[in-house]
Amino acid sequence: MSAPGGAAIPTPQQIVRDYGDTVTGLCHRMIRNRELARDTAQEVWFEVLKGLPSFRGESNFSTWLYTVAKRTIDRHIHQERTMSIRFLNRFFEDHADNGMSEMREIPVEDRDQWFRLECDACLTAIIHCLDNETRMIYLMRLLTGLPYQELGGILESEPAVLRQRYSRASRRINSFLNDHCTLYNPDGRCRCKLNKPIRYLDLQQEYRSIRDASRRTLSLHRAGDYHRIRNLWEELPDRE
């Protein structure tokens, strides 16, 4: 099936396969409340299905879809709080004491999942040091890998401006991780509740592989691969 402009329109199954993970991750990182993030990802799916007949092929399909995603997410992020670095420091320190006791209460076979969920929550909190607009720019570039020219159409901004803002956001996030996160940097200053369990369990080999991967590319991108967020679109009905 083709749009009036000649571009091929993906089937719903192809859309789920090619874009579901990215949109789910985008909603998950933009919105800290897990249930609201989940609802937003599902709302994007239904908006895409509703608007699919009107896609005319005048732009790349990815441009159209991520524009729908951005507009949908924008309706839900007005209550998201931008956190200062000072606040993040206090936040992680305040949650430092119960890490070991909490981990010991979890069956050994479930501890890996516990680590993944806690690290995932940390990463989402950390990128909230960026305001909503900058966070959207950062995540759109990081998760989609689209060129700045195409992102300019989605985010309604000049490509050069987007490049500059993304670069600044990346430096801010990576600086915080390098200074604080024990998983990212063994000498990090963070004393969050994961600090002691990580050292206690001696997960050096596993976490070294994550750190090495992080240094080969942007940290949150690889961390996102490891802390895999389930593609919510695969669970939705009426995809035929």
C-alpha atoms as a PDB file:
ATOM      1  CA  MET A   1       0.000   0.000   0.000  1.00  0.00           C
ATOM      2  CA  SER A   2       1.268   3.467  -0.905  1.00  0.00           C
ATOM      3  CA  ALA A   3       0.448   6.994   0.199  1.00  0.00           C
ATOM      4  CA  PRO A   4      -0.735   9.560  -2.379  1.00  0.00           C
ATOM      5  CA  GLY A   5       2.808  10.947  -2.479  1.00  0.00           C
ATOM      6  CA  GLY A   6       4.165   7.567  -3.545  1.00  0.00           C
ATOM      7  CA  ALA A   7       5.766   6.529  -0.232  1.00  0.00           C
ATOM      8  CA  ALA A   8       5.051   3.008   0.984  1.00  0.00           C
ATOM      9  CA  ILE A   9       2.873   2.793   4.093  1.00  0.00           C
ATOM     10  CA  PRO A  10       4.098   0.148   6.562  1.00  0.00           C
ATOM     11  CA  THR A  11       1.670  -2.419   7.848  1.00  0.00           C
ATOM     12  CA  PRO A  12       0.734  -2.267  11.555  1.00  0.00           C
ATOM     13  CA  GLN A  13       2.971  -5.288  12.159  1.00  0.00           C
ATOM     14  CA  GLN A  14       5.922  -3.504  10.531  1.00  0.00           C
ATOM     15  CA  ILE A  15       5.259  -0.375  12.590  1.00  0.00           C
ATOM     16  CA  VAL A  16       5.300  -2.383  15.822  1.00  0.00           C
ATOM     17  CA  ARG A  17       8.526  -4.096  14.809  1.00  0.00           C
ATOM     18  CA  ASP A  18      10.360  -1.026  13.536  1.00  0.00           C
ATOM     19  CA  TYR A  19       9.165   1.693  15.918  1.00  0.00           C
ATOM     20  CA  GLY A  20       7.574   0.124  18.991  1.00  0.00           C
ATOM     21  CA  ASP A  21      10.758  -0.236  21.050  1.00  0.00           C
ATOM     22  CA  THR A  22      11.849   3.328  20.344  1.00  0.00           C
ATOM     23  CA  VAL A  23       8.497   4.935  21.125  1.00  0.00           C
ATOM     24  CA  THR A  24       8.146   2.874  24.299  1.00  0.00           C
ATOM     25  CA  GLY A  25      11.638   3.947  25.390  1.00  0.00           C
ATOM     26  CA  LEU A  26      10.923   7.570  24.552  1.00  0.00           C
ATOM     27  CA  CYS A  27       7.762   7.608  26.668  1.00  0.00           C
ATOM     28  CA  HIS A  28       9.484   5.731  29.474  1.00  0.00           C
ATOM     29  CA  ARG A  29      12.396   8.180  29.668  1.00  0.00           C
ATOM     30  CA  MET A  30      10.338  11.319  29.204  1.00  0.00           C
ATOM     31  CA  ILE A  31       7.812  10.422  31.930  1.00  0.00           C
ATOM     32  CA  ARG A  32       8.964   9.110  35.315  1.00  0.00           C
ATOM     33  CA  ASN A  33       5.612   7.663  36.357  1.00  0.00           C
ATOM     34  CA  ARG A  34       5.638   4.160  34.894  1.00  0.00           C
ATOM     35  CA  GLU A  35       1.878   3.821  34.519  1.00  0.00           C
ATOM     36  CA  LEU A  36       1.531   7.210  32.830  1.00  0.00           C
ATOM     37  CA  ALA A  37       4.465   6.377  30.531  1.00  0.00           C
ATOM     38  CA  ARG A  38       2.784   3.102  29.617  1.00  0.00           C
ATOM     39  CA  ASP A  39      -0.551   4.795  28.946  1.00  0.00           C
ATOM     40  CA  THR A  40       1.179   7.439  26.826  1.00  0.00           C
ATOM     41  CA  ALA A  41       2.965   4.808  24.704  1.00  0.00           C
ATOM     42  CA  GLN A  42      -0.360   3.101  24.078  1.00  0.00           C
ATOM     43  CA  GLU A  43      -1.984   6.417  23.244  1.00  0.00           C
ATOM     44  CA  VAL A  44       0.735   7.047  20.643  1.00  0.00           C
ATOM     45  CA  TRP A  45      -0.097   3.685  19.069  1.00  0.00           C
ATOM     46  CA  PHE A  46      -3.776   4.476  18.773  1.00  0.00           C
ATOM     47  CA  GLU A  47      -3.025   7.953  17.394  1.00  0.00           C
ATOM     48  CA  VAL A  48      -0.761   6.371  14.781  1.00  0.00           C
ATOM     49  CA  LEU A  49      -3.439   3.869  13.770  1.00  0.00           C
ATOM     50  CA  LYS A  50      -6.082   6.603  13.631  1.00  0.00           C
ATOM     51  CA  GLY A  51      -3.904   8.876  11.523  1.00  0.00           C
ATOM     52  CA  LEU A  52      -2.428   6.218   9.230  1.00  0.00           C
ATOM     53  CA  PRO A  53      -5.052   6.660   6.470  1.00  0.00           C
ATOM     54  CA  SER A  54      -4.227  10.376   6.326  1.00  0.00           C
ATOM     55  CA  PHE A  55      -0.470   9.839   5.816  1.00  0.00           C
ATOM     56  CA  ARG A  56       0.205  11.258   2.360  1.00  0.00           C
ATOM     57  CA  GLY A  57       3.878  10.434   1.942  1.00  0.00           C
ATOM     58  CA  GLU A  58       4.955  14.070   1.811  1.00  0.00           C
ATOM     59  CA  SER A  59       7.649  13.298   4.416  1.00  0.00           C
ATOM     60  CA  ASN A  60       9.468  10.189   5.634  1.00  0.00           C
ATOM     61  CA  PHE A  61       7.174   7.860   7.532  1.00  0.00           C
ATOM     62  CA  SER A  62       9.537   8.087  10.527  1.00  0.00           C
ATOM     63  CA  THR A  63       9.138  11.879  10.539  1.00  0.00           C
ATOM     64  CA  TRP A  64       5.368  11.560  10.582  1.00  0.00           C
ATOM     65  CA  LEU A  65       5.305   8.869  13.273  1.00  0.00           C
ATOM     66  CA  TYR A  66       7.727  10.594  15.649  1.00  0.00           C
ATOM     67  CA  THR A  67       5.834  13.864  15.190  1.00  0.00           C
ATOM     68  CA  VAL A  68       2.700  12.050  16.358  1.00  0.00           C
ATOM     69  CA  ALA A  69       4.683  10.615  19.281  1.00  0.00           C
ATOM     70  CA  LYS A  70       6.078  14.014  20.287  1.00  0.00           C
ATOM     71  CA  ARG A  71       2.691  15.719  20.210  1.00  0.00           C
ATOM     72  CA  THR A  72       1.147  12.923  22.269  1.00  0.00           C
ATOM     73  CA  ILE A  73       3.943  12.962  24.852  1.00  0.00           C
ATOM     74  CA  ASP A  74       3.780  16.756  25.057  1.00  0.00           C
ATOM     75  CA  ARG A  75       0.212  16.450  26.331  1.00  0.00           C
ATOM     76  CA  HIS A  76       1.412  14.465  29.346  1.00  0.00           C
ATOM     77  CA  ILE A  77       4.717  15.999  30.461  1.00  0.00           C
ATOM     78  CA  HIS A  78       3.576  19.321  31.902  1.00  0.00           C
ATOM     79  CA  GLN A  79       3.913  17.927  35.437  1.00  0.00           C
ATOM     80  CA  GLU A  80       7.408  16.514  34.931  1.00  0.00           C
ATOM     81  CA  ARG A  81       9.921  18.110  37.273  1.00  0.00           C
ATOM     82  CA  THR A  82      13.325  19.323  36.132  1.00  0.00           C
ATOM     83  CA  MET A  83      15.844  18.245  38.775  1.00  0.00           C
ATOM     84  CA  SER A  84      18.985  20.156  39.652  1.00  0.00           C
ATOM     85  CA  ILE A  85      22.268  18.287  40.077  1.00  0.00           C
ATOM     86  CA  ARG A  86      22.152  19.193  43.759  1.00  0.00           C
ATOM     87  CA  PHE A  87      18.689  17.649  44.065  1.00  0.00           C
ATOM     88  CA  LEU A  88      19.851  14.459  42.329  1.00  0.00           C
ATOM     89  CA  ASN A  89      22.787  14.173  44.717  1.00  0.00           C
ATOM     90  CA  ARG A  90      20.460  14.446  47.709  1.00  0.00           C
ATOM     91  CA  PHE A  91      17.919  12.109  46.113  1.00  0.00           C
ATOM     92  CA  PHE A  92      20.394   9.260  45.673  1.00  0.00           C
ATOM     93  CA  GLU A  93      22.008   9.814  49.061  1.00  0.00           C
ATOM     94  CA  ASP A  94      18.625   9.777  50.799  1.00  0.00           C
ATOM     95  CA  HIS A  95      17.917   6.357  49.291  1.00  0.00           C
ATOM     96  CA  ALA A  96      21.327   4.894  50.136  1.00  0.00           C
ATOM     97  CA  ASP A  97      20.666   3.092  53.405  1.00  0.00           C
ATOM     98  CA  ASN A  98      18.176   0.415  52.398  1.00  0.00           C
ATOM     99  CA  GLY A  99      20.015  -1.115  49.425  1.00  0.00           C
ATOM    100  CA  MET A 100      21.609  -4.118  51.125  1.00  0.00           C
ATOM    101  CA  SER A 101      18.620  -4.953  53.279  1.00  0.00           C
ATOM    102  CA  GLU A 102      16.249  -4.639  50.334  1.00  0.00           C
ATOM    103  CA  MET A 103      18.425  -6.858  48.143  1.00  0.00           C
ATOM    104  CA  ARG A 104      18.761  -9.564  50.834  1.00  0.00           C
ATOM    105  CA  GLU A 105      14.974  -9.807  51.040  1.00  0.00           C
ATOM    106  CA  ILE A 106      14.826 -10.694  47.327  1.00  0.00           C
ATOM    107  CA  PRO A 107      15.346 -14.307  46.177  1.00  0.00           C
ATOM    108  CA  VAL A 108      18.750 -14.817  44.578  1.00  0.00           C
ATOM    109  CA  GLU A 109      17.211 -15.705  41.209  1.00  0.00           C
ATOM    110  CA  ASP A 110      15.350 -12.354  41.145  1.00  0.00           C
ATOM    111  CA  ARG A 111      18.259 -10.086  42.083  1.00  0.00           C
ATOM    112  CA  ASP A 112      19.408  -9.490  38.515  1.00  0.00           C
ATOM    113  CA  GLN A 113      15.963  -8.163  37.624  1.00  0.00           C
ATOM    114  CA  TRP A 114      15.992  -6.007  40.757  1.00  0.00           C
ATOM    115  CA  PHE A 115      19.303  -4.451  39.699  1.00  0.00           C
ATOM    116  CA  ARG A 116      18.008  -3.780  36.218  1.00  0.00           C
ATOM    117  CA  LEU A 117      14.850  -2.058  37.446  1.00  0.00           C
ATOM    118  CA  GLU A 118      16.707   0.053  40.005  1.00  0.00           C
ATOM    119  CA  CYS A 119      19.369   1.111  37.495  1.00  0.00           C
ATOM    120  CA  ASP A 120      16.668   1.896  34.964  1.00  0.00           C
ATOM    121  CA  ALA A 121      14.900   4.144  37.495  1.00  0.00           C
ATOM    122  CA  CYS A 122      18.207   5.899  38.222  1.00  0.00           C
ATOM    123  CA  LEU A 123      18.843   6.594  34.543  1.00  0.00           C
ATOM    124  CA  THR A 124      15.375   8.037  34.047  1.00  0.00           C
ATOM    125  CA  ALA A 125      15.838  10.264  37.106  1.00  0.00           C
ATOM    126  CA  ILE A 126      19.240  11.455  35.902  1.00  0.00           C
ATOM    127  CA  ILE A 127      18.006  12.663  32.516  1.00  0.00           C
ATOM    128  CA  HIS A 128      15.385  14.723  34.337  1.00  0.00           C
ATOM    129  CA  CYS A 129      18.165  17.189  35.059  1.00  0.00           C
ATOM    130  CA  LEU A 130      17.197  18.362  31.567  1.00  0.00           C
ATOM    131  CA  ASP A 131      14.073  20.464  31.048  1.00  0.00           C
ATOM    132  CA  ASN A 132      11.244  18.855  29.067  1.00  0.00           C
ATOM    133  CA  GLU A 133      12.160  20.390  25.725  1.00  0.00           C
ATOM    134  CA  THR A 134      15.865  19.614  25.984  1.00  0.00           C
ATOM    135  CA  ARG A 135      15.108  16.100  27.216  1.00  0.00           C
ATOM    136  CA  MET A 136      12.928  15.532  24.154  1.00  0.00           C
ATOM    137  CA  ILE A 137      15.727  16.706  21.860  1.00  0.00           C
ATOM    138  CA  TYR A 138      18.269  14.543  23.669  1.00  0.00           C
ATOM    139  CA  LEU A 139      16.138  11.403  23.618  1.00  0.00           C
ATOM    140  CA  MET A 140      14.865  11.843  20.070  1.00  0.00           C
ATOM    141  CA  ARG A 141      18.418  12.023  18.770  1.00  0.00           C
ATOM    142  CA  LEU A 142      19.727   9.305  21.085  1.00  0.00           C
ATOM    143  CA  LEU A 143      16.958   6.755  20.595  1.00  0.00           C
ATOM    144  CA  THR A 144      15.990   7.303  16.962  1.00  0.00           C
ATOM    145  CA  GLY A 145      19.402   8.094  15.477  1.00  0.00           C
ATOM    146  CA  LEU A 146      17.678  10.340  12.924  1.00  0.00           C
ATOM    147  CA  PRO A 147      19.738  13.033  11.187  1.00  0.00           C
ATOM    148  CA  TYR A 148      19.342  16.546  12.530  1.00  0.00           C
ATOM    149  CA  GLN A 149      17.671  17.666   9.300  1.00  0.00           C
ATOM    150  CA  GLU A 150      14.808  15.202   9.869  1.00  0.00           C
ATOM    151  CA  LEU A 151      14.685  15.933  13.591  1.00  0.00           C
ATOM    152  CA  GLY A 152      14.279  19.605  12.728  1.00  0.00           C
ATOM    153  CA  GLY A 153      10.952  18.818  11.078  1.00  0.00           C
ATOM    154  CA  ILE A 154       9.763  16.793  14.065  1.00  0.00           C
ATOM    155  CA  LEU A 155      10.916  19.202  16.760  1.00  0.00           C
ATOM    156  CA  GLU A 156      10.252  22.388  14.783  1.00  0.00           C
ATOM    157  CA  SER A 157      13.756  23.745  15.199  1.00  0.00           C
ATOM    158  CA  GLU A 158      16.818  24.480  13.092  1.00  0.00           C
ATOM    159  CA  PRO A 159      19.179  21.488  12.731  1.00  0.00           C
ATOM    160  CA  ALA A 160      22.171  23.521  13.906  1.00  0.00           C
ATOM    161  CA  VAL A 161      20.319  24.532  17.067  1.00  0.00           C
ATOM    162  CA  LEU A 162      19.331  20.931  17.751  1.00  0.00           C
ATOM    163  CA  ARG A 163      22.902  19.757  17.287  1.00  0.00           C
ATOM    164  CA  GLN A 164      24.174  22.328  19.776  1.00  0.00           C
ATOM    165  CA  ARG A 165      21.517  21.577  22.380  1.00  0.00           C
ATOM    166  CA  TYR A 166      22.004  17.821  22.052  1.00  0.00           C
ATOM    167  CA  SER A 167      25.752  18.210  22.474  1.00  0.00           C
ATOM    168  CA  ARG A 168      25.330  20.290  25.623  1.00  0.00           C
ATOM    169  CA  ALA A 169      22.814  17.829  27.075  1.00  0.00           C
ATOM    170  CA  SER A 170      25.113  14.882  26.343  1.00  0.00           C
ATOM    171  CA  ARG A 171      28.020  16.550  28.118  1.00  0.00           C
ATOM    172  CA  ARG A 172      25.834  17.296  31.130  1.00  0.00           C
ATOM    173  CA  ILE A 173      24.518  13.729  31.420  1.00  0.00           C
ATOM    174  CA  ASN A 174      27.848  12.042  30.788  1.00  0.00           C
ATOM    175  CA  SER A 175      29.625  14.326  33.249  1.00  0.00           C
ATOM    176  CA  PHE A 176      27.137  13.417  35.972  1.00  0.00           C
ATOM    177  CA  LEU A 177      27.460   9.685  35.253  1.00  0.00           C
ATOM    178  CA  ASN A 178      31.239   9.827  35.199  1.00  0.00           C
ATOM    179  CA  ASP A 179      31.410  11.775  38.458  1.00  0.00           C
ATOM    180  CA  HIS A 180      28.768   9.803  40.337  1.00  0.00           C
ATOM    181  CA  CYS A 181      27.613   6.487  38.910  1.00  0.00           C
ATOM    182  CA  THR A 182      29.506   3.462  40.245  1.00  0.00           C
ATOM    183  CA  LEU A 183      28.241   1.323  37.396  1.00  0.00           C
ATOM    184  CA  TYR A 184      29.508   3.780  34.791  1.00  0.00           C
ATOM    185  CA  ASN A 185      32.712   4.638  36.639  1.00  0.00           C
ATOM    186  CA  PRO A 186      34.017   2.404  39.484  1.00  0.00           C
ATOM    187  CA  ASP A 187      35.437   5.508  41.174  1.00  0.00           C
ATOM    188  CA  GLY A 188      32.145   7.427  41.023  1.00  0.00           C
ATOM    189  CA  ARG A 189      31.045   9.325  44.129  1.00  0.00           C
ATOM    190  CA  CYS A 190      27.437   8.124  44.215  1.00  0.00           C
ATOM    191  CA  ARG A 191      26.354   6.417  47.425  1.00  0.00           C
ATOM    192  CA  CYS A 192      22.926   5.316  46.231  1.00  0.00           C
ATOM    193  CA  LYS A 193      21.374   2.101  47.481  1.00  0.00           C
ATOM    194  CA  LEU A 194      22.891   0.132  44.592  1.00  0.00           C
ATOM    195  CA  ASN A 195      26.443   1.032  45.550  1.00  0.00           C
ATOM    196  CA  LYS A 196      26.965  -1.527  48.317  1.00  0.00           C
ATOM    197  CA  PRO A 197      25.086  -4.392  46.634  1.00  0.00           C
ATOM    198  CA  ILE A 198      27.116  -3.939  43.435  1.00  0.00           C
ATOM    199  CA  ARG A 199      30.378  -4.215  45.402  1.00  0.00           C
ATOM    200  CA  TYR A 200      29.048  -6.945  47.673  1.00  0.00           C
ATOM    201  CA  LEU A 201      28.022  -9.225  44.823  1.00  0.00           C
ATOM    202  CA  ASP A 202      31.306  -8.650  42.973  1.00  0.00           C
ATOM    203  CA  LEU A 203      29.641  -8.248  39.583  1.00  0.00           C
ATOM    204  CA  GLN A 204      32.829  -6.857  38.088  1.00  0.00           C
ATOM    205  CA  GLN A 205      32.838  -8.825  34.861  1.00  0.00           C
ATOM    206  CA  GLU A 206      29.216  -8.106  33.980  1.00  0.00           C
ATOM    207  CA  TYR A 207      29.408  -4.437  34.832  1.00  0.00           C
ATOM    208  CA  ARG A 208      32.782  -4.021  33.152  1.00  0.00           C
ATOM    209  CA  SER A 209      31.182  -5.116  29.887  1.00  0.00           C
ATOM    210  CA  ILE A 210      28.482  -2.455  30.359  1.00  0.00           C
ATOM    211  CA  ARG A 211      31.079   0.234  31.097  1.00  0.00           C
ATOM    212  CA  ASP A 212      33.141  -0.770  28.063  1.00  0.00           C
ATOM    213  CA  ALA A 213      30.066  -0.606  25.841  1.00  0.00           C
ATOM    214  CA  SER A 214      29.175   2.754  27.346  1.00  0.00           C
ATOM    215  CA  ARG A 215      32.531   4.187  26.402  1.00  0.00           C
ATOM    216  CA  ARG A 216      32.130   3.081  22.801  1.00  0.00           C
ATOM    217  CA  THR A 217      28.980   5.108  22.381  1.00  0.00           C
ATOM    218  CA  LEU A 218      26.692   7.375  24.369  1.00  0.00           C
ATOM    219  CA  SER A 219      26.122   5.932  27.803  1.00  0.00           C
ATOM    220  CA  LEU A 220      22.337   5.987  28.032  1.00  0.00           C
ATOM    221  CA  HIS A 221      21.960   4.418  24.616  1.00  0.00           C
ATOM    222  CA  ARG A 222      23.931   1.311  25.594  1.00  0.00           C
ATOM    223  CA  ALA A 223      22.443   1.276  29.062  1.00  0.00           C
ATOM    224  CA  GLY A 224      19.038   1.345  27.431  1.00  0.00           C
ATOM    225  CA  ASP A 225      20.009  -1.740  25.420  1.00  0.00           C
ATOM    226  CA  TYR A 226      20.944  -3.540  28.624  1.00  0.00           C
ATOM    227  CA  HIS A 227      17.982  -2.427  30.701  1.00  0.00           C
ATOM    228  CA  ARG A 228      15.640  -3.534  27.950  1.00  0.00           C
ATOM    229  CA  ILE A 229      12.244  -1.876  28.055  1.00  0.00           C
ATOM    230  CA  ARG A 230       9.534  -4.203  26.773  1.00  0.00           C
ATOM    231  CA  ASN A 231       7.893  -3.108  23.545  1.00  0.00           C
ATOM    232  CA  LEU A 232       4.423  -2.213  24.812  1.00  0.00           C
ATOM    233  CA  TRP A 233       2.994  -2.123  21.313  1.00  0.00           C
ATOM    234  CA  GLU A 234       3.479  -5.890  21.016  1.00  0.00           C
ATOM    235  CA  GLU A 235       0.894  -6.326  23.769  1.00  0.00           C
ATOM    236  CA  LEU A 236      -1.838  -4.235  22.187  1.00  0.00           C
ATOM    237  CA  PRO A 237      -4.838  -5.795  20.426  1.00  0.00           C
ATOM    238  CA  ASP A 238      -6.160  -5.089  16.946  1.00  0.00           C
ATOM    239  CA  ARG A 239      -2.790  -5.017  15.196  1.00  0.00           C
ATOM    240  CA  GLU A 240      -4.052  -7.058  12.274  1.00  0.00           C
END
